[in-house]
Amino acid sequence: MQEKENRYIIELKKFVGQEAVVTDALGKVFKGKVVAWGFNHLNVILMTDKEKIIIKNISNIVRKRGENNEAIDKK
């Protein structure tokens, strides 16, 4: 029997390849393109024009959606 994928993980995967604003547990804000997730520990890797940033202990992450709940960058 095949298990369904966790809904939380499904939603987090939608962030990959999208611009997002990430706040870490200390309140520091980062903005960039999400390139990878560490689901087990809720880590994320963001890419900016000049930096690759690995953020641990995420408090909040936000991305904008289009009219049909699709990612804006994919239109």
Protein backbone atom coordinates (compact mmCIF):
# COMPACT_ATOMS: atom_id res chain seq x y z
CA MET A 1 0.00 0.00 0.00
CA GLN A 2 1.39 3.36 -1.04
CA GLU A 3 1.19 6.18 1.51
CA LYS A 4 -0.06 9.62 0.51
CA GLU A 5 2.47 12.42 0.67
CA ASN A 6 2.10 14.78 3.62
CA ARG A 7 0.04 17.85 2.59
CA TYR A 8 2.54 20.12 4.37
CA ILE A 9 5.40 18.79 2.23
CA ILE A 10 3.30 19.15 -0.94
CA GLU A 11 2.74 22.84 -0.18
CA LEU A 12 6.40 23.47 0.67
CA LYS A 13 7.47 21.94 -2.65
CA LYS A 14 5.44 24.65 -4.43
CA PHE A 15 7.97 27.21 -3.16
CA VAL A 16 10.88 25.67 -5.10
CA GLY A 17 11.80 27.90 -8.03
CA GLN A 18 9.76 30.82 -6.67
CA GLU A 19 10.67 34.14 -5.11
CA ALA A 20 9.98 34.08 -1.38
CA VAL A 21 10.52 36.09 1.77
CA VAL A 22 11.84 33.98 4.65
CA THR A 23 12.05 34.97 8.31
CA ASP A 24 14.26 32.91 10.59
CA ALA A 25 13.64 32.16 14.27
CA LEU A 26 15.68 35.23 15.29
CA GLY A 27 13.55 37.58 13.14
CA LYS A 28 16.10 38.15 10.35
CA VAL A 29 14.41 38.50 6.94
CA PHE A 30 15.80 37.10 3.68
CA LYS A 31 14.44 37.44 0.14
CA GLY A 32 15.40 35.28 -2.80
CA LYS A 33 14.54 32.34 -5.02
CA VAL A 34 13.98 29.04 -3.21
CA VAL A 35 16.26 26.38 -4.70
CA ALA A 36 15.99 23.56 -2.13
CA TRP A 37 14.35 22.38 1.09
CA GLY A 38 15.52 20.36 4.05
CA PHE A 39 12.07 19.10 5.05
CA ASN A 40 13.10 17.20 8.19
CA HIS A 41 14.55 20.27 9.91
CA LEU A 42 12.70 22.97 7.94
CA ASN A 43 15.83 24.44 6.37
CA VAL A 44 15.77 26.27 3.04
CA ILE A 45 18.33 27.42 0.50
CA LEU A 46 17.68 30.78 -1.16
CA MET A 47 19.55 32.20 -4.14
CA THR A 48 19.95 35.94 -4.75
CA ASP A 49 21.87 37.72 -7.52
CA LYS A 50 25.05 37.66 -5.43
CA GLU A 51 24.56 35.05 -2.70
CA LYS A 52 23.43 31.55 -1.88
CA ILE A 53 21.88 31.54 1.60
CA ILE A 54 21.13 28.52 3.78
CA ILE A 55 18.55 29.37 6.43
CA LYS A 56 17.92 27.15 9.44
CA ASN A 57 15.05 27.31 11.89
CA ILE A 58 12.52 29.07 9.69
CA SER A 59 9.81 31.01 11.47
CA ASN A 60 7.85 32.23 8.44
CA ILE A 61 7.96 31.94 4.63
CA VAL A 62 5.79 33.84 2.14
CA ARG A 63 5.40 33.77 -1.63
CA LYS A 64 2.87 35.48 -3.88
CA ARG A 65 0.31 33.47 -5.82
CA GLY A 66 -1.43 34.19 -9.11
CA GLU A 67 -5.17 34.40 -9.73
CA ASN A 68 -5.62 30.63 -10.01
CA ASN A 69 -3.40 29.87 -7.00
CA GLU A 70 -0.46 29.15 -9.27
CA ALA A 71 2.95 30.63 -8.77
CA ILE A 72 3.39 34.07 -10.32
CA ASP A 73 6.75 33.18 -11.91
CA LYS A 74 5.21 30.25 -13.81
CA LYS A 75 2.73 32.39 -15.79
